[in-house]
Amino acid sequence: MLERELRAGPAAGVRAFLDLWRRTVIGSDYAAGCPVLAVAVEEPPGEGDPEAITAAMCRAERDIRPLDDVAAQPETLIGAAVTT
């Protein structure tokens, strides 16, 4: 699936990749993925580590919305870069 979406263009590829991670996070009950490792061992995320901060927010709130909020940003940037 991801391979097909990547051939469809950068925005579709990023969207498919983020959807894969979204399903992984939800399917693991917020315990999967490298960014979650820092949270799983109860170390606070560093100030400069947005992935760990997003993972911490998802886990703490048991809500996927922080990931969804971040996921919207790359598509906007890609759209702006492709149209200019």
Protein backbone atom coordinates (compact mmCIF):
# COMPACT_ATOMS: atom_id res chain seq x y z
CA MET A 1 0.00 0.00 0.00
CA LEU A 2 2.70 2.52 0.97
CA GLU A 3 4.65 1.82 -2.22
CA ARG A 4 1.59 2.54 -4.37
CA GLU A 5 0.89 5.77 -2.50
CA LEU A 6 4.49 6.92 -2.88
CA ARG A 7 4.18 6.51 -6.64
CA ALA A 8 1.06 8.70 -6.50
CA GLY A 9 3.14 11.63 -5.27
CA PRO A 10 4.84 13.04 -2.19
CA ALA A 11 1.68 14.19 -0.40
CA ALA A 12 -0.02 10.82 -0.90
CA GLY A 13 3.14 9.03 0.27
CA VAL A 14 3.47 11.09 3.44
CA ARG A 15 -0.25 10.70 4.15
CA ALA A 16 0.00 6.89 3.78
CA PHE A 17 3.11 6.73 5.97
CA LEU A 18 1.49 8.76 8.73
CA ASP A 19 -1.67 6.67 8.47
CA LEU A 20 0.47 3.55 8.94
CA TRP A 21 1.96 5.04 12.12
CA ARG A 22 -1.47 6.14 13.31
CA ARG A 23 -2.76 2.57 13.01
CA THR A 24 0.38 1.24 14.68
CA VAL A 25 0.05 3.58 17.67
CA ILE A 26 -3.65 2.84 18.14
CA GLY A 27 -3.21 -0.90 17.54
CA SER A 28 -0.49 -1.12 20.18
CA ASP A 29 -2.58 0.78 22.74
CA TYR A 30 -0.14 3.71 22.43
CA ALA A 31 2.95 1.62 23.21
CA ALA A 32 4.59 1.13 19.77
CA GLY A 33 7.10 3.08 17.78
CA CYS A 34 10.54 4.43 18.43
CA PRO A 35 9.34 7.85 19.69
CA VAL A 36 7.32 6.04 22.33
CA LEU A 37 10.41 4.34 23.76
CA ALA A 38 11.35 7.38 25.83
CA VAL A 39 7.87 7.47 27.29
CA ALA A 40 7.73 3.72 27.87
CA VAL A 41 10.80 3.87 30.09
CA GLU A 42 9.40 6.96 31.78
CA GLU A 43 12.09 9.39 30.68
CA PRO A 44 10.79 12.84 29.86
CA PRO A 45 11.21 13.81 26.21
CA GLY A 46 13.88 16.36 25.43
CA GLU A 47 12.84 19.87 24.46
CA GLY A 48 14.22 19.40 20.94
CA ASP A 49 12.55 16.05 20.24
CA PRO A 50 9.12 16.75 18.74
CA GLU A 51 8.50 13.06 17.93
CA ALA A 52 8.95 12.04 21.55
CA ILE A 53 6.82 14.95 22.73
CA THR A 54 4.01 13.97 20.33
CA ALA A 55 4.28 10.33 21.45
CA ALA A 56 4.20 11.41 25.08
CA MET A 57 1.08 13.48 24.49
CA CYS A 58 -0.67 10.61 22.69
CA ARG A 59 0.19 8.19 25.46
CA ALA A 60 -0.60 10.53 28.33
CA GLU A 61 -3.94 11.54 26.84
CA ARG A 62 -4.60 8.09 25.33
CA ASP A 63 -5.67 10.04 22.28
CA ILE A 64 -4.38 10.07 18.70
CA ARG A 65 -5.20 13.75 18.10
CA PRO A 66 -1.66 15.03 18.85
CA LEU A 67 -0.34 12.77 16.07
CA ASP A 68 -3.14 13.83 13.74
CA ASP A 69 -2.34 17.50 14.40
CA VAL A 70 1.32 16.97 13.55
CA ALA A 71 0.45 14.80 10.53
CA ALA A 72 -1.37 17.71 8.88
CA GLN A 73 1.77 19.85 8.74
CA PRO A 74 3.89 17.91 6.18
CA GLU A 75 1.03 17.77 3.69
CA THR A 76 0.63 21.54 3.88
CA LEU A 77 4.37 22.06 3.34
CA ILE A 78 4.49 19.60 0.44
CA GLY A 79 1.50 21.27 -1.19
CA ALA A 80 3.18 24.66 -0.94
CA ALA A 81 6.46 23.35 -2.33
CA VAL A 82 4.87 21.52 -5.25
CA THR A 83 2.75 24.47 -6.37
CA THR A 84 5.60 27.02 -6.28
